[in-house]
Amino acid sequence: MDFIRPDLAGPRIAPFQAPQGDLAIIAGNGNPILAQTIANTLGVSLTPARAHLFSEGNVFVRIKENVRGKDVFIVQGCHYPVNDNFMELLFWIDAARRASAQNVTAVIPFFSYAQGDKKDEPRVSIRARVCADAIEAAGADRVLTMDLHSPQIQGFFRIPVDHLYGRIVLVEHFKSLNVSDLVVCSPDVGFAKGAAAYATLLNAPVVIGNKYRADHTETVQIVEVIGNVQDKNVFLVDDLTITGRSLVEMAKTLKSRGAKDVYAGVTHGVLSEGAAARIAESDIKKMFITDTIENSFGPLPHNVEVVSVAHLMAAAIRSIHDRTSVSMLFPDKHDDPLAHML
């Protein structure tokens, strides 16, 4: 058999690429601003893409550039309108997979259905598990998300899940205020572990609220505060707030127990209709939320400030793309989790 010499075999093929392929970031309708900021931080352009909602509610998506062999990251949160955003996420994943992307990562800044993490009443759906199955079935290779309502939801997936914490950027911002006599407070026992993590980063003690919900009307009653807040400034923390009632009622209770100023830090500021006015009139001096949610039900109140998580998510995307450890982003591993990433 005759062999053709390489230098005579016609046009040369392109140089061998890295195993992970080129980086491509697609912005869904849920988080276009955050996606653009992430892309800017990484020094890349967003991959041209289009999502269109027809008058009947049918969602159409199209990637307008070749992503064959690329490492694709789809930035699409599942906040209001939750079902539209979730279906759009599935379609983006499917579109990238059918376009021969090498790897598809679903970047979900806020996963609303994470609140449906258990069967705590008869004949109810475990919605987070259903959504996890759908994301996998659509073709995602990996999920990158932030502050799941219950961290064990990572186990609902059979694909890798990188779970980031908004407290990294919220604490970094709060430290700049130089608040003295500080106590960290969780509005309920469910976020006690999260509050303890905040307290560790701030070198402050923890107090715990005990609240009670009778039904699904989103009303709340604060039963007690476990710990002393007399003459203390309080940093009230939680993973998300929808109506703001838990934070507002907790702030009121803290003030009645002798607290001085009450601040709040929440990763996901859902802030449904009426929440802004409720927080504006509350005892919360200043509340900090992140930009994981962009669709607001109205203008933010004067005492709410947005802190961006774009640099944290960009660092995670770079780690995933470069096949390096995402654990560098966790504050219990390094004093400065972002110093070596960007």
C-alpha atoms as a PDB file:
ATOM      1  CA  MET A   1       0.000   0.000   0.000  1.00  0.00           C
ATOM      2  CA  ASP A   2       1.279   3.432  -0.920  1.00  0.00           C
ATOM      3  CA  PHE A   3       1.346   6.117   1.783  1.00  0.00           C
ATOM      4  CA  ILE A   4       0.934   9.785   0.967  1.00  0.00           C
ATOM      5  CA  ARG A   5       3.558  12.050   2.458  1.00  0.00           C
ATOM      6  CA  PRO A   6       1.974  14.515   4.957  1.00  0.00           C
ATOM      7  CA  ASP A   7       3.371  17.526   3.137  1.00  0.00           C
ATOM      8  CA  LEU A   8       1.746  16.383  -0.114  1.00  0.00           C
ATOM      9  CA  ALA A   9      -1.627  15.316   1.259  1.00  0.00           C
ATOM     10  CA  GLY A  10      -3.558  18.449   0.349  1.00  0.00           C
ATOM     11  CA  PRO A  11      -4.852  21.186   2.677  1.00  0.00           C
ATOM     12  CA  ARG A  12      -3.680  20.974   6.248  1.00  0.00           C
ATOM     13  CA  ILE A  13      -6.243  20.618   9.024  1.00  0.00           C
ATOM     14  CA  ALA A  14      -6.543  23.232  11.748  1.00  0.00           C
ATOM     15  CA  PRO A  15      -4.177  22.950  14.718  1.00  0.00           C
ATOM     16  CA  PHE A  16      -5.328  20.639  17.480  1.00  0.00           C
ATOM     17  CA  GLN A  17      -7.528  22.461  19.986  1.00  0.00           C
ATOM     18  CA  ALA A  18      -7.656  22.051  23.725  1.00  0.00           C
ATOM     19  CA  PRO A  19      -9.887  19.134  24.808  1.00  0.00           C
ATOM     20  CA  GLN A  20     -12.523  21.496  26.195  1.00  0.00           C
ATOM     21  CA  GLY A  21     -12.953  23.433  22.951  1.00  0.00           C
ATOM     22  CA  ASP A  22     -13.499  27.168  22.719  1.00  0.00           C
ATOM     23  CA  LEU A  23     -15.569  29.007  25.327  1.00  0.00           C
ATOM     24  CA  ALA A  24     -19.067  30.135  24.328  1.00  0.00           C
ATOM     25  CA  ILE A  25     -21.494  32.005  26.594  1.00  0.00           C
ATOM     26  CA  ILE A  26     -25.164  32.263  25.667  1.00  0.00           C
ATOM     27  CA  ALA A  27     -27.498  34.725  27.399  1.00  0.00           C
ATOM     28  CA  GLY A  28     -31.113  33.693  27.875  1.00  0.00           C
ATOM     29  CA  ASN A  29     -33.964  36.121  28.461  1.00  0.00           C
ATOM     30  CA  GLY A  30     -33.743  35.551  32.211  1.00  0.00           C
ATOM     31  CA  ASN A  31     -30.333  37.130  32.869  1.00  0.00           C
ATOM     32  CA  PRO A  32     -29.084  39.136  29.867  1.00  0.00           C
ATOM     33  CA  ILE A  33     -27.364  41.807  31.988  1.00  0.00           C
ATOM     34  CA  LEU A  34     -25.621  39.313  34.279  1.00  0.00           C
ATOM     35  CA  ALA A  35     -24.548  37.226  31.272  1.00  0.00           C
ATOM     36  CA  GLN A  36     -23.053  40.275  29.572  1.00  0.00           C
ATOM     37  CA  THR A  37     -21.182  41.253  32.748  1.00  0.00           C
ATOM     38  CA  ILE A  38     -19.837  37.714  33.096  1.00  0.00           C
ATOM     39  CA  ALA A  39     -18.674  37.772  29.475  1.00  0.00           C
ATOM     40  CA  ASN A  40     -17.027  41.169  29.998  1.00  0.00           C
ATOM     41  CA  THR A  41     -15.255  39.857  33.086  1.00  0.00           C
ATOM     42  CA  LEU A  42     -13.929  36.878  31.132  1.00  0.00           C
ATOM     43  CA  GLY A  43     -12.948  39.069  28.195  1.00  0.00           C
ATOM     44  CA  VAL A  44     -15.125  37.233  25.659  1.00  0.00           C
ATOM     45  CA  SER A  45     -18.119  38.185  23.539  1.00  0.00           C
ATOM     46  CA  LEU A  46     -21.545  36.693  24.062  1.00  0.00           C
ATOM     47  CA  THR A  47     -22.443  34.122  21.435  1.00  0.00           C
ATOM     48  CA  PRO A  48     -25.154  35.645  19.218  1.00  0.00           C
ATOM     49  CA  ALA A  49     -28.470  34.014  20.061  1.00  0.00           C
ATOM     50  CA  ARG A  50     -32.168  34.779  19.892  1.00  0.00           C
ATOM     51  CA  ALA A  51     -35.101  33.827  22.099  1.00  0.00           C
ATOM     52  CA  HIS A  52     -38.601  34.749  20.990  1.00  0.00           C
ATOM     53  CA  LEU A  53     -41.927  34.324  22.769  1.00  0.00           C
ATOM     54  CA  PHE A  54     -44.854  33.935  20.367  1.00  0.00           C
ATOM     55  CA  SER A  55     -48.250  35.437  21.187  1.00  0.00           C
ATOM     56  CA  GLU A  56     -49.609  32.043  22.235  1.00  0.00           C
ATOM     57  CA  GLY A  57     -46.748  31.597  24.737  1.00  0.00           C
ATOM     58  CA  ASN A  58     -44.622  29.272  22.576  1.00  0.00           C
ATOM     59  CA  VAL A  59     -40.881  29.814  23.146  1.00  0.00           C
ATOM     60  CA  PHE A  60     -38.450  29.722  20.198  1.00  0.00           C
ATOM     61  CA  VAL A  61     -34.659  29.788  20.600  1.00  0.00           C
ATOM     62  CA  ARG A  62     -31.833  29.843  18.062  1.00  0.00           C
ATOM     63  CA  ILE A  63     -28.058  29.983  18.416  1.00  0.00           C
ATOM     64  CA  LYS A  64     -26.897  32.244  15.605  1.00  0.00           C
ATOM     65  CA  GLU A  65     -23.264  31.148  15.491  1.00  0.00           C
ATOM     66  CA  ASN A  66     -21.441  27.861  15.115  1.00  0.00           C
ATOM     67  CA  VAL A  67     -20.811  26.181  18.509  1.00  0.00           C
ATOM     68  CA  ARG A  68     -19.664  22.791  17.207  1.00  0.00           C
ATOM     69  CA  GLY A  69     -17.050  21.383  19.562  1.00  0.00           C
ATOM     70  CA  LYS A  70     -17.296  24.343  21.938  1.00  0.00           C
ATOM     71  CA  ASP A  71     -17.644  24.480  25.695  1.00  0.00           C
ATOM     72  CA  VAL A  72     -21.064  26.161  25.972  1.00  0.00           C
ATOM     73  CA  PHE A  73     -22.342  27.952  29.091  1.00  0.00           C
ATOM     74  CA  ILE A  74     -26.025  28.969  29.043  1.00  0.00           C
ATOM     75  CA  VAL A  75     -26.838  31.733  31.544  1.00  0.00           C
ATOM     76  CA  GLN A  76     -30.545  31.457  32.267  1.00  0.00           C
ATOM     77  CA  GLY A  77     -32.172  31.821  35.687  1.00  0.00           C
ATOM     78  CA  CYS A  78     -35.487  30.254  36.636  1.00  0.00           C
ATOM     79  CA  HIS A  79     -37.207  33.214  38.265  1.00  0.00           C
ATOM     80  CA  TYR A  80     -40.415  35.064  37.306  1.00  0.00           C
ATOM     81  CA  PRO A  81     -41.909  34.147  34.889  1.00  0.00           C
ATOM     82  CA  VAL A  82     -40.624  30.865  36.265  1.00  0.00           C
ATOM     83  CA  ASN A  83     -42.163  28.405  33.820  1.00  0.00           C
ATOM     84  CA  ASP A  84     -41.273  30.474  30.729  1.00  0.00           C
ATOM     85  CA  ASN A  85     -37.690  30.844  31.898  1.00  0.00           C
ATOM     86  CA  PHE A  86     -37.374  27.165  32.787  1.00  0.00           C
ATOM     87  CA  MET A  87     -38.716  25.975  29.433  1.00  0.00           C
ATOM     88  CA  GLU A  88     -36.403  28.413  27.648  1.00  0.00           C
ATOM     89  CA  LEU A  89     -33.461  26.935  29.570  1.00  0.00           C
ATOM     90  CA  LEU A  90     -34.386  23.428  28.384  1.00  0.00           C
ATOM     91  CA  PHE A  91     -34.648  24.594  24.792  1.00  0.00           C
ATOM     92  CA  TRP A  92     -31.266  26.343  24.946  1.00  0.00           C
ATOM     93  CA  ILE A  93     -29.672  23.160  26.271  1.00  0.00           C
ATOM     94  CA  ASP A  94     -31.299  21.112  23.520  1.00  0.00           C
ATOM     95  CA  ALA A  95     -30.284  23.634  20.837  1.00  0.00           C
ATOM     96  CA  ALA A  96     -26.653  23.575  21.984  1.00  0.00           C
ATOM     97  CA  ARG A  97     -26.594  19.783  22.125  1.00  0.00           C
ATOM     98  CA  ARG A  98     -28.115  19.465  18.621  1.00  0.00           C
ATOM     99  CA  ALA A  99     -25.574  22.010  17.368  1.00  0.00           C
ATOM    100  CA  SER A 100     -22.814  19.575  18.425  1.00  0.00           C
ATOM    101  CA  ALA A 101     -21.492  21.527  21.394  1.00  0.00           C
ATOM    102  CA  GLN A 102     -18.821  19.497  23.143  1.00  0.00           C
ATOM    103  CA  ASN A 103     -20.045  20.317  26.656  1.00  0.00           C
ATOM    104  CA  VAL A 104     -23.154  22.163  27.819  1.00  0.00           C
ATOM    105  CA  THR A 105     -23.293  23.790  31.260  1.00  0.00           C
ATOM    106  CA  ALA A 106     -26.570  25.220  32.525  1.00  0.00           C
ATOM    107  CA  VAL A 107     -25.694  28.352  34.515  1.00  0.00           C
ATOM    108  CA  ILE A 108     -28.763  28.921  36.703  1.00  0.00           C
ATOM    109  CA  PRO A 109     -28.233  31.955  38.964  1.00  0.00           C
ATOM    110  CA  PHE A 110     -31.563  31.370  40.737  1.00  0.00           C
ATOM    111  CA  PHE A 111     -33.371  28.017  40.640  1.00  0.00           C
ATOM    112  CA  SER A 112     -36.848  28.855  41.922  1.00  0.00           C
ATOM    113  CA  TYR A 113     -38.133  25.280  41.972  1.00  0.00           C
ATOM    114  CA  ALA A 114     -35.403  24.406  44.456  1.00  0.00           C
ATOM    115  CA  GLN A 115     -37.993  25.355  47.073  1.00  0.00           C
ATOM    116  CA  GLY A 116     -39.919  22.201  46.135  1.00  0.00           C
ATOM    117  CA  ASP A 117     -37.303  19.889  47.600  1.00  0.00           C
ATOM    118  CA  LYS A 118     -39.373  17.435  49.652  1.00  0.00           C
ATOM    119  CA  LYS A 119     -42.728  15.739  50.062  1.00  0.00           C
ATOM    120  CA  ASP A 120     -43.886  17.455  53.235  1.00  0.00           C
ATOM    121  CA  GLU A 121     -47.620  17.070  52.520  1.00  0.00           C
ATOM    122  CA  PRO A 122     -49.643  14.159  51.115  1.00  0.00           C
ATOM    123  CA  ARG A 123     -49.872  13.822  47.314  1.00  0.00           C
ATOM    124  CA  VAL A 124     -47.489  16.657  46.343  1.00  0.00           C
ATOM    125  CA  SER A 125     -44.766  16.739  43.720  1.00  0.00           C
ATOM    126  CA  ILE A 126     -41.072  17.022  44.552  1.00  0.00           C
ATOM    127  CA  ARG A 127     -40.703  19.721  41.925  1.00  0.00           C
ATOM    128  CA  ALA A 128     -36.957  20.214  42.214  1.00  0.00           C
ATOM    129  CA  ARG A 129     -36.375  16.557  41.339  1.00  0.00           C
ATOM    130  CA  VAL A 130     -38.682  16.757  38.310  1.00  0.00           C
ATOM    131  CA  CYS A 131     -36.787  19.832  37.068  1.00  0.00           C
ATOM    132  CA  ALA A 132     -33.421  18.138  37.659  1.00  0.00           C
ATOM    133  CA  ASP A 133     -34.539  15.172  35.548  1.00  0.00           C
ATOM    134  CA  ALA A 134     -35.720  17.526  32.781  1.00  0.00           C
ATOM    135  CA  ILE A 135     -32.409  19.421  32.698  1.00  0.00           C
ATOM    136  CA  GLU A 136     -30.504  16.166  32.378  1.00  0.00           C
ATOM    137  CA  ALA A 137     -32.880  14.812  29.727  1.00  0.00           C
ATOM    138  CA  ALA A 138     -32.463  17.995  27.657  1.00  0.00           C
ATOM    139  CA  GLY A 139     -28.748  17.245  27.467  1.00  0.00           C
ATOM    140  CA  ALA A 140     -26.908  19.316  30.082  1.00  0.00           C
ATOM    141  CA  ASP A 141     -23.505  17.958  31.095  1.00  0.00           C
ATOM    142  CA  ARG A 142     -23.189  20.138  34.173  1.00  0.00           C
ATOM    143  CA  VAL A 143     -25.047  22.691  36.307  1.00  0.00           C
ATOM    144  CA  LEU A 144     -23.622  25.843  37.864  1.00  0.00           C
ATOM    145  CA  THR A 145     -25.951  27.526  40.323  1.00  0.00           C
ATOM    146  CA  MET A 146     -25.993  29.688  43.433  1.00  0.00           C
ATOM    147  CA  ASP A 147     -27.533  29.281  46.890  1.00  0.00           C
ATOM    148  CA  LEU A 148     -29.986  26.451  46.361  1.00  0.00           C
ATOM    149  CA  HIS A 149     -32.753  26.621  48.957  1.00  0.00           C
ATOM    150  CA  SER A 150     -31.524  23.223  50.152  1.00  0.00           C
ATOM    151  CA  PRO A 151     -27.939  22.266  49.251  1.00  0.00           C
ATOM    152  CA  GLN A 152     -28.869  18.564  49.141  1.00  0.00           C
ATOM    153  CA  ILE A 153     -30.735  19.277  45.888  1.00  0.00           C
ATOM    154  CA  GLN A 154     -27.335  18.756  44.271  1.00  0.00           C
ATOM    155  CA  GLY A 155     -28.021  15.067  44.874  1.00  0.00           C
ATOM    156  CA  PHE A 156     -31.163  15.227  42.717  1.00  0.00           C
ATOM    157  CA  PHE A 157     -28.858  15.461  39.692  1.00  0.00           C
ATOM    158  CA  ARG A 158     -26.795  12.635  38.239  1.00  0.00           C
ATOM    159  CA  ILE A 159     -24.511  15.177  36.561  1.00  0.00           C
ATOM    160  CA  PRO A 160     -21.969  17.418  38.333  1.00  0.00           C
ATOM    161  CA  VAL A 161     -23.375  20.463  40.137  1.00  0.00           C
ATOM    162  CA  ASP A 162     -21.193  23.390  41.155  1.00  0.00           C
ATOM    163  CA  HIS A 163     -22.925  25.219  43.988  1.00  0.00           C
ATOM    164  CA  LEU A 164     -21.733  28.760  44.705  1.00  0.00           C
ATOM    165  CA  TYR A 165     -22.599  30.941  47.697  1.00  0.00           C
ATOM    166  CA  GLY A 166     -23.677  34.563  47.467  1.00  0.00           C
ATOM    167  CA  ARG A 167     -22.365  35.232  50.950  1.00  0.00           C
ATOM    168  CA  ILE A 168     -18.864  35.546  49.498  1.00  0.00           C
ATOM    169  CA  VAL A 169     -19.705  38.810  47.738  1.00  0.00           C
ATOM    170  CA  LEU A 170     -22.290  39.995  50.299  1.00  0.00           C
ATOM    171  CA  VAL A 171     -19.822  39.676  53.175  1.00  0.00           C
ATOM    172  CA  GLU A 172     -17.094  41.340  51.137  1.00  0.00           C
ATOM    173  CA  HIS A 173     -19.410  44.297  50.559  1.00  0.00           C
ATOM    174  CA  PHE A 174     -20.765  44.415  54.108  1.00  0.00           C
ATOM    175  CA  LYS A 175     -17.270  44.502  55.601  1.00  0.00           C
ATOM    176  CA  SER A 176     -16.695  47.824  53.845  1.00  0.00           C
ATOM    177  CA  LEU A 177     -19.338  49.404  56.122  1.00  0.00           C
ATOM    178  CA  ASN A 178     -17.208  48.730  59.220  1.00  0.00           C
ATOM    179  CA  VAL A 179     -20.229  47.985  61.410  1.00  0.00           C
ATOM    180  CA  SER A 180     -19.253  47.457  65.052  1.00  0.00           C
ATOM    181  CA  ASP A 181     -20.935  45.389  67.804  1.00  0.00           C
ATOM    182  CA  LEU A 182     -22.184  42.999  65.135  1.00  0.00           C
ATOM    183  CA  VAL A 183     -24.407  39.945  65.482  1.00  0.00           C
ATOM    184  CA  VAL A 184     -25.487  37.729  62.565  1.00  0.00           C
ATOM    185  CA  CYS A 185     -29.094  36.561  62.632  1.00  0.00           C
ATOM    186  CA  SER A 186     -31.005  33.881  60.735  1.00  0.00           C
ATOM    187  CA  PRO A 187     -34.781  34.491  60.475  1.00  0.00           C
ATOM    188  CA  ASP A 188     -35.445  30.788  61.112  1.00  0.00           C
ATOM    189  CA  VAL A 189     -33.752  27.561  62.133  1.00  0.00           C
ATOM    190  CA  GLY A 190     -33.715  26.414  58.493  1.00  0.00           C
ATOM    191  CA  PHE A 191     -30.982  28.914  57.588  1.00  0.00           C
ATOM    192  CA  ALA A 192     -29.079  28.549  60.864  1.00  0.00           C
ATOM    193  CA  LYS A 193     -26.152  26.776  59.185  1.00  0.00           C
ATOM    194  CA  GLY A 194     -25.988  29.448  56.492  1.00  0.00           C
ATOM    195  CA  ALA A 195     -26.019  32.188  59.146  1.00  0.00           C
ATOM    196  CA  ALA A 196     -23.184  30.419  60.952  1.00  0.00           C
ATOM    197  CA  ALA A 197     -21.139  30.530  57.723  1.00  0.00           C
ATOM    198  CA  TYR A 198     -21.778  34.289  57.474  1.00  0.00           C
ATOM    199  CA  ALA A 199     -20.795  34.691  61.123  1.00  0.00           C
ATOM    200  CA  THR A 200     -17.522  32.832  60.561  1.00  0.00           C
ATOM    201  CA  LEU A 201     -16.564  35.158  57.704  1.00  0.00           C
ATOM    202  CA  LEU A 202     -17.525  38.220  59.775  1.00  0.00           C
ATOM    203  CA  ASN A 203     -16.067  36.916  63.061  1.00  0.00           C
ATOM    204  CA  ALA A 204     -19.374  37.599  64.819  1.00  0.00           C
ATOM    205  CA  PRO A 205     -21.774  35.602  67.033  1.00  0.00           C
ATOM    206  CA  VAL A 206     -25.053  34.136  65.757  1.00  0.00           C
ATOM    207  CA  VAL A 207     -28.646  34.448  66.930  1.00  0.00           C
ATOM    208  CA  ILE A 208     -31.557  32.468  65.502  1.00  0.00           C
ATOM    209  CA  GLY A 209     -35.160  33.434  64.917  1.00  0.00           C
ATOM    210  CA  ASN A 210     -38.004  30.977  65.226  1.00  0.00           C
ATOM    211  CA  LYS A 211     -40.840  31.617  62.778  1.00  0.00           C
ATOM    212  CA  TYR A 212     -44.085  29.853  62.015  1.00  0.00           C
ATOM    213  CA  ARG A 213     -46.057  29.491  58.770  1.00  0.00           C
ATOM    214  CA  ALA A 214     -49.575  28.095  59.010  1.00  0.00           C
ATOM    215  CA  ASP A 215     -50.192  27.654  55.246  1.00  0.00           C
ATOM    216  CA  HIS A 216     -49.116  28.715  51.731  1.00  0.00           C
ATOM    217  CA  THR A 217     -50.370  32.317  52.040  1.00  0.00           C
ATOM    218  CA  GLU A 218     -46.763  33.450  52.665  1.00  0.00           C
ATOM    219  CA  THR A 219     -47.668  35.062  55.991  1.00  0.00           C
ATOM    220  CA  VAL A 220     -45.265  34.527  58.846  1.00  0.00           C
ATOM    221  CA  GLN A 221     -45.180  34.934  62.612  1.00  0.00           C
ATOM    222  CA  ILE A 222     -41.937  35.320  64.575  1.00  0.00           C
ATOM    223  CA  VAL A 223     -42.239  33.258  67.735  1.00  0.00           C
ATOM    224  CA  GLU A 224     -38.919  33.906  69.454  1.00  0.00           C
ATOM    225  CA  VAL A 225     -35.301  35.027  69.085  1.00  0.00           C
ATOM    226  CA  ILE A 226     -32.660  32.651  70.403  1.00  0.00           C
ATOM    227  CA  GLY A 227     -29.718  34.772  71.570  1.00  0.00           C
ATOM    228  CA  ASN A 228     -28.963  38.253  72.835  1.00  0.00           C
ATOM    229  CA  VAL A 229     -29.205  41.302  70.534  1.00  0.00           C
ATOM    230  CA  GLN A 230     -29.413  44.032  73.171  1.00  0.00           C
ATOM    231  CA  ASP A 231     -27.375  47.064  72.040  1.00  0.00           C
ATOM    232  CA  LYS A 232     -26.078  45.122  69.038  1.00  0.00           C
ATOM    233  CA  ASN A 233     -26.108  45.862  65.324  1.00  0.00           C
ATOM    234  CA  VAL A 234     -27.649  42.926  63.497  1.00  0.00           C
ATOM    235  CA  PHE A 235     -26.927  41.499  60.045  1.00  0.00           C
ATOM    236  CA  LEU A 236     -30.059  39.524  59.113  1.00  0.00           C
ATOM    237  CA  VAL A 237     -29.225  36.950  56.427  1.00  0.00           C
ATOM    238  CA  ASP A 238     -31.113  34.463  54.265  1.00  0.00           C
ATOM    239  CA  ASP A 239     -30.811  32.705  50.911  1.00  0.00           C
ATOM    240  CA  LEU A 240     -33.893  34.359  49.391  1.00  0.00           C
ATOM    241  CA  THR A 241     -36.833  36.590  50.118  1.00  0.00           C
ATOM    242  CA  ILE A 242     -40.068  36.636  48.149  1.00  0.00           C
ATOM    243  CA  THR A 243     -42.573  38.789  50.012  1.00  0.00           C
ATOM    244  CA  GLY A 244     -40.081  40.222  52.510  1.00  0.00           C
ATOM    245  CA  ARG A 245     -42.388  39.355  55.406  1.00  0.00           C
ATOM    246  CA  SER A 246     -39.927  37.092  57.242  1.00  0.00           C
ATOM    247  CA  LEU A 247     -37.210  39.748  57.169  1.00  0.00           C
ATOM    248  CA  VAL A 248     -39.572  42.593  58.052  1.00  0.00           C
ATOM    249  CA  GLU A 249     -41.141  40.745  60.985  1.00  0.00           C
ATOM    250  CA  MET A 250     -37.741  39.559  62.177  1.00  0.00           C
ATOM    251  CA  ALA A 251     -36.325  43.101  62.023  1.00  0.00           C
ATOM    252  CA  LYS A 252     -39.295  44.347  64.034  1.00  0.00           C
ATOM    253  CA  THR A 253     -38.755  41.648  66.654  1.00  0.00           C
ATOM    254  CA  LEU A 254     -35.021  42.370  66.847  1.00  0.00           C
ATOM    255  CA  LYS A 255     -35.688  46.053  67.461  1.00  0.00           C
ATOM    256  CA  SER A 256     -38.136  45.157  70.215  1.00  0.00           C
ATOM    257  CA  ARG A 257     -35.362  43.061  71.810  1.00  0.00           C
ATOM    258  CA  GLY A 258     -33.073  46.102  71.981  1.00  0.00           C
ATOM    259  CA  ALA A 259     -31.111  45.835  68.742  1.00  0.00           C
ATOM    260  CA  LYS A 260     -29.617  49.041  67.346  1.00  0.00           C
ATOM    261  CA  ASP A 261     -29.430  49.020  63.526  1.00  0.00           C
ATOM    262  CA  VAL A 262     -30.712  46.075  61.513  1.00  0.00           C
ATOM    263  CA  TYR A 263     -29.133  45.280  58.146  1.00  0.00           C
ATOM    264  CA  ALA A 264     -30.121  42.459  55.814  1.00  0.00           C
ATOM    265  CA  GLY A 265     -28.248  40.367  53.257  1.00  0.00           C
ATOM    266  CA  VAL A 266     -30.080  38.049  50.860  1.00  0.00           C
ATOM    267  CA  THR A 267     -28.687  36.294  47.799  1.00  0.00           C
ATOM    268  CA  HIS A 268     -31.914  36.082  45.792  1.00  0.00           C
ATOM    269  CA  GLY A 269     -34.160  39.133  46.051  1.00  0.00           C
ATOM    270  CA  VAL A 270     -37.318  37.825  44.388  1.00  0.00           C
ATOM    271  CA  LEU A 271     -39.355  40.700  45.852  1.00  0.00           C
ATOM    272  CA  SER A 272     -42.844  39.855  44.611  1.00  0.00           C
ATOM    273  CA  GLU A 273     -45.542  42.501  44.272  1.00  0.00           C
ATOM    274  CA  GLY A 274     -45.806  44.583  47.441  1.00  0.00           C
ATOM    275  CA  ALA A 275     -42.451  43.461  48.850  1.00  0.00           C
ATOM    276  CA  ALA A 276     -40.606  46.681  47.931  1.00  0.00           C
ATOM    277  CA  ALA A 277     -43.040  48.899  49.823  1.00  0.00           C
ATOM    278  CA  ARG A 278     -43.022  46.513  52.759  1.00  0.00           C
ATOM    279  CA  ILE A 279     -39.218  46.620  53.023  1.00  0.00           C
ATOM    280  CA  ALA A 280     -39.087  50.400  52.508  1.00  0.00           C
ATOM    281  CA  GLU A 281     -41.338  50.952  55.531  1.00  0.00           C
ATOM    282  CA  SER A 282     -39.592  48.360  57.719  1.00  0.00           C
ATOM    283  CA  ASP A 283     -36.959  48.577  60.446  1.00  0.00           C
ATOM    284  CA  ILE A 284     -34.282  47.398  57.992  1.00  0.00           C
ATOM    285  CA  LYS A 285     -31.732  50.195  57.638  1.00  0.00           C
ATOM    286  CA  LYS A 286     -30.075  48.721  54.552  1.00  0.00           C
ATOM    287  CA  MET A 287     -30.684  45.507  52.638  1.00  0.00           C
ATOM    288  CA  PHE A 288     -28.218  43.969  50.185  1.00  0.00           C
ATOM    289  CA  ILE A 289     -29.273  41.576  47.412  1.00  0.00           C
ATOM    290  CA  THR A 290     -27.358  40.168  44.439  1.00  0.00           C
ATOM    291  CA  ASP A 291     -28.085  40.424  40.727  1.00  0.00           C
ATOM    292  CA  THR A 292     -29.107  36.773  40.265  1.00  0.00           C
ATOM    293  CA  ILE A 293     -32.632  38.039  39.478  1.00  0.00           C
ATOM    294  CA  GLU A 294     -33.239  40.798  36.932  1.00  0.00           C
ATOM    295  CA  ASN A 295     -37.015  40.789  36.472  1.00  0.00           C
ATOM    296  CA  SER A 296     -38.394  43.091  39.155  1.00  0.00           C
ATOM    297  CA  PHE A 297     -42.033  43.613  40.071  1.00  0.00           C
ATOM    298  CA  GLY A 298     -41.301  47.298  40.514  1.00  0.00           C
ATOM    299  CA  PRO A 299     -38.584  49.784  41.464  1.00  0.00           C
ATOM    300  CA  LEU A 300     -36.341  48.722  44.311  1.00  0.00           C
ATOM    301  CA  PRO A 301     -36.931  50.608  47.579  1.00  0.00           C
ATOM    302  CA  HIS A 302     -34.483  53.241  48.766  1.00  0.00           C
ATOM    303  CA  ASN A 303     -32.963  50.933  51.364  1.00  0.00           C
ATOM    304  CA  VAL A 304     -32.094  48.066  48.984  1.00  0.00           C
ATOM    305  CA  GLU A 305     -28.733  47.869  47.222  1.00  0.00           C
ATOM    306  CA  VAL A 306     -27.662  45.362  44.536  1.00  0.00           C
ATOM    307  CA  VAL A 307     -24.257  43.663  44.745  1.00  0.00           C
ATOM    308  CA  SER A 308     -23.059  41.798  41.647  1.00  0.00           C
ATOM    309  CA  VAL A 309     -22.031  38.131  41.667  1.00  0.00           C
ATOM    310  CA  ALA A 310     -20.766  38.326  38.067  1.00  0.00           C
ATOM    311  CA  HIS A 311     -17.080  38.092  39.016  1.00  0.00           C
ATOM    312  CA  LEU A 312     -17.755  35.027  41.196  1.00  0.00           C
ATOM    313  CA  MET A 313     -19.724  33.233  38.478  1.00  0.00           C
ATOM    314  CA  ALA A 314     -17.119  34.223  35.888  1.00  0.00           C
ATOM    315  CA  ALA A 315     -14.401  32.684  38.056  1.00  0.00           C
ATOM    316  CA  ALA A 316     -16.428  29.462  38.320  1.00  0.00           C
ATOM    317  CA  ILE A 317     -16.979  29.357  34.553  1.00  0.00           C
ATOM    318  CA  ARG A 318     -13.266  29.840  33.956  1.00  0.00           C
ATOM    319  CA  SER A 319     -12.453  27.005  36.367  1.00  0.00           C
ATOM    320  CA  ILE A 320     -14.936  24.664  34.697  1.00  0.00           C
ATOM    321  CA  HIS A 321     -13.689  25.591  31.230  1.00  0.00           C
ATOM    322  CA  ASP A 322     -10.011  25.231  32.184  1.00  0.00           C
ATOM    323  CA  ARG A 323     -10.713  22.002  34.102  1.00  0.00           C
ATOM    324  CA  THR A 324      -9.342  23.392  37.341  1.00  0.00           C
ATOM    325  CA  SER A 325     -10.770  23.139  40.836  1.00  0.00           C
ATOM    326  CA  VAL A 326     -13.887  25.154  41.644  1.00  0.00           C
ATOM    327  CA  SER A 327     -13.190  24.592  45.350  1.00  0.00           C
ATOM    328  CA  MET A 328     -10.830  27.585  45.121  1.00  0.00           C
ATOM    329  CA  LEU A 329     -14.008  29.706  45.250  1.00  0.00           C
ATOM    330  CA  PHE A 330     -15.049  28.578  48.711  1.00  0.00           C
ATOM    331  CA  PRO A 331     -13.983  30.861  51.578  1.00  0.00           C
ATOM    332  CA  ASP A 332     -13.291  27.981  53.955  1.00  0.00           C
ATOM    333  CA  LYS A 333     -10.453  26.934  51.622  1.00  0.00           C
ATOM    334  CA  HIS A 334      -8.756  30.256  50.948  1.00  0.00           C
ATOM    335  CA  ASP A 335      -8.782  33.671  52.560  1.00  0.00           C
ATOM    336  CA  ASP A 336      -9.258  35.342  49.192  1.00  0.00           C
ATOM    337  CA  PRO A 337     -11.253  32.906  46.995  1.00  0.00           C
ATOM    338  CA  LEU A 338     -11.108  35.119  43.882  1.00  0.00           C
ATOM    339  CA  ALA A 339      -7.503  36.281  44.035  1.00  0.00           C
ATOM    340  CA  HIS A 340      -6.082  33.575  41.765  1.00  0.00           C
ATOM    341  CA  MET A 341      -9.067  33.124  39.479  1.00  0.00           C
ATOM    342  CA  LEU A 342      -9.441  36.353  37.511  1.00  0.00           C
END
